[in-house]
Protein backbone atom coordinates (compact mmCIF):
# COMPACT_ATOMS: atom_id res chain seq x y z
CA GLN A 1 -5.65 19.17 -4.96
CA VAL A 2 -4.64 15.48 -3.54
CA GLN A 3 -1.58 13.45 -5.26
CA LEU A 4 -0.38 10.02 -4.76
CA VAL A 5 2.90 9.15 -6.23
CA GLU A 6 3.83 5.43 -6.01
CA SER A 7 7.58 3.92 -6.56
CA GLY A 8 9.79 0.92 -6.21
CA GLY A 9 8.37 -1.57 -7.91
CA GLY A 10 10.22 -4.18 -10.19
CA LEU A 11 10.59 -7.43 -11.36
CA VAL A 12 12.48 -9.32 -8.85
CA GLN A 13 12.87 -13.35 -8.14
CA ALA A 14 11.02 -15.26 -5.40
CA GLY A 15 12.61 -14.75 -1.66
CA ASP A 16 13.53 -11.23 -2.38
CA SER A 17 12.68 -8.11 -1.23
CA LEU A 18 11.20 -4.71 -2.46
CA ARG A 19 10.11 -2.05 -0.47
CA LEU A 20 7.42 0.14 -2.41
CA SER A 21 7.03 4.21 -1.31
CA CYS A 22 4.20 6.41 -1.60
CA ALA A 23 4.72 10.02 -1.65
CA ALA A 24 1.86 12.22 -0.54
CA SER A 25 1.34 15.72 -1.14
CA GLY A 26 -1.89 18.14 -0.55
CA ARG A 27 -4.61 17.42 1.56
CA THR A 28 -3.13 14.19 2.21
CA VAL A 29 -0.79 15.01 5.07
CA ARG A 30 -3.47 15.16 7.61
CA SER A 31 -4.64 11.80 6.09
CA TYR A 32 -6.69 9.63 8.58
CA ALA A 33 -5.35 6.10 7.19
CA MET A 34 -3.21 5.23 4.19
CA GLY A 35 -3.72 1.90 2.81
CA TRP A 36 -2.19 -0.23 0.01
CA PHE A 37 -4.11 -2.33 -2.47
CA ARG A 38 -3.41 -4.40 -5.08
CA GLN A 39 -4.69 -5.74 -8.58
CA ALA A 40 -3.40 -9.04 -10.39
CA PRO A 41 -4.47 -9.45 -13.93
CA GLY A 42 -7.76 -10.80 -14.27
CA LYS A 43 -8.33 -10.36 -10.62
CA GLU A 44 -10.48 -7.48 -8.19
CA ARG A 45 -8.11 -5.29 -6.80
CA GLU A 46 -7.50 -6.77 -2.70
CA PHE A 47 -6.67 -5.36 0.27
CA VAL A 48 -2.68 -5.77 1.66
CA ALA A 49 -2.20 -3.36 4.77
CA ALA A 50 -3.45 -0.36 6.42
CA LEU A 51 -2.28 2.25 8.86
CA ARG A 52 -4.21 4.32 10.60
CA ARG A 53 -2.73 8.04 12.04
CA SER A 54 -4.41 8.37 15.27
CA GLY A 55 -2.57 5.37 17.16
CA GLY A 56 -0.78 3.84 14.48
CA SER A 57 -2.92 0.73 14.16
CA THR A 58 -1.70 -1.46 11.28
CA TYR A 59 -3.97 -4.13 9.94
CA TYR A 60 -2.82 -6.53 6.77
CA ALA A 61 -4.21 -9.21 4.70
CA ASP A 62 -3.78 -12.87 5.62
CA SER A 63 -1.98 -13.56 2.61
CA VAL A 64 0.99 -11.41 3.38
CA LYS A 65 0.87 -10.91 6.84
CA GLY A 66 4.23 -11.50 8.52
CA ARG A 67 5.95 -10.52 5.52
CA PHE A 68 4.81 -7.06 5.00
CA THR A 69 5.66 -3.97 6.73
CA ILE A 70 3.43 -0.92 6.20
CA SER A 71 4.78 1.99 7.95
CA ARG A 72 4.94 6.09 7.36
CA ASP A 73 7.18 8.70 7.84
CA ASN A 74 5.52 12.11 8.46
CA ALA A 75 8.05 14.46 8.23
CA LYS A 76 8.50 12.83 4.25
CA ASN A 77 4.86 12.36 3.85
CA THR A 78 5.52 8.98 2.33
CA VAL A 79 3.83 5.94 3.40
CA TYR A 80 6.44 2.53 2.58
CA LEU A 81 5.48 -1.29 1.92
CA GLN A 82 7.95 -3.52 3.29
CA MET A 83 7.59 -6.53 0.83
CA ASN A 84 9.77 -9.72 1.95
CA ASN A 85 9.86 -12.90 0.90
CA LEU A 86 8.29 -12.75 -2.37
CA LYS A 87 5.89 -15.05 -3.82
CA PRO A 88 4.85 -15.47 -7.63
CA GLU A 89 1.62 -14.87 -6.28
CA ASP A 90 2.18 -11.50 -5.04
CA THR A 91 2.74 -9.94 -8.45
CA ALA A 92 0.40 -7.34 -9.49
CA VAL A 93 0.18 -3.53 -9.84
CA TYR A 94 0.25 -1.93 -6.10
CA TYR A 95 -1.80 1.06 -5.36
CA CYS A 96 -1.82 3.56 -2.83
CA ALA A 97 -4.80 5.03 -0.96
CA ALA A 98 -6.09 7.78 1.52
CA ALA A 99 -8.93 8.04 3.72
CA LEU A 100 -9.15 11.40 4.90
CA VAL A 101 -11.73 11.26 7.73
CA PHE A 102 -12.84 8.44 9.84
CA ARG A 103 -13.51 5.25 8.58
CA ALA A 104 -14.45 2.57 10.79
CA VAL A 105 -13.25 -0.05 8.11
CA VAL A 106 -9.88 0.69 6.74
CA VAL A 107 -9.75 -2.87 4.85
CA VAL A 108 -11.40 -2.26 1.96
CA ALA A 109 -11.07 -0.17 -1.04
CA GLY A 110 -14.47 1.52 -0.34
CA ALA A 111 -13.30 3.59 2.88
CA TYR A 112 -10.57 5.66 0.68
CA ASP A 113 -10.92 9.12 -0.98
CA TYR A 114 -7.94 8.93 -3.52
CA TRP A 115 -5.50 6.96 -5.15
CA GLY A 116 -2.50 6.69 -6.91
CA GLN A 117 -1.54 5.37 -10.48
CA GLY A 118 0.28 2.27 -9.51
CA THR A 119 3.42 0.65 -9.79
CA GLN A 120 3.80 -2.84 -10.97
CA VAL A 121 5.70 -5.74 -8.92
CA THR A 122 6.06 -8.15 -10.50
CA VAL A 123 7.86 -12.11 -8.61
CA SER A 124 9.36 -14.19 -10.98
CA SER A 125 9.37 -18.17 -9.88
């Protein structure tokens, strides 16, 4: 059984910061990669950030590069998304995802095996 539980979302003003957490349990403890995606109303789910366990390589969407940081605490089986200088266009439901085996590409939703339920982030102008 695999569980991913996101937390940390909320309503903030433009320029504020939030840190999302994704607590993983089950087989995800040894997940190959973890990712964050988001989906705004009326839009498709889009990639935000990803982190490979091996080597620690990170990947970011151009829209969040320099503002968001993905990290993981292996001891706590938790992945974080630190979001700084938030903008209204960052408003979306944010989802955590886990890939359990090697994936050559980790910036697409299809690379991931398990998903959390999502947490709402709303940024007011």
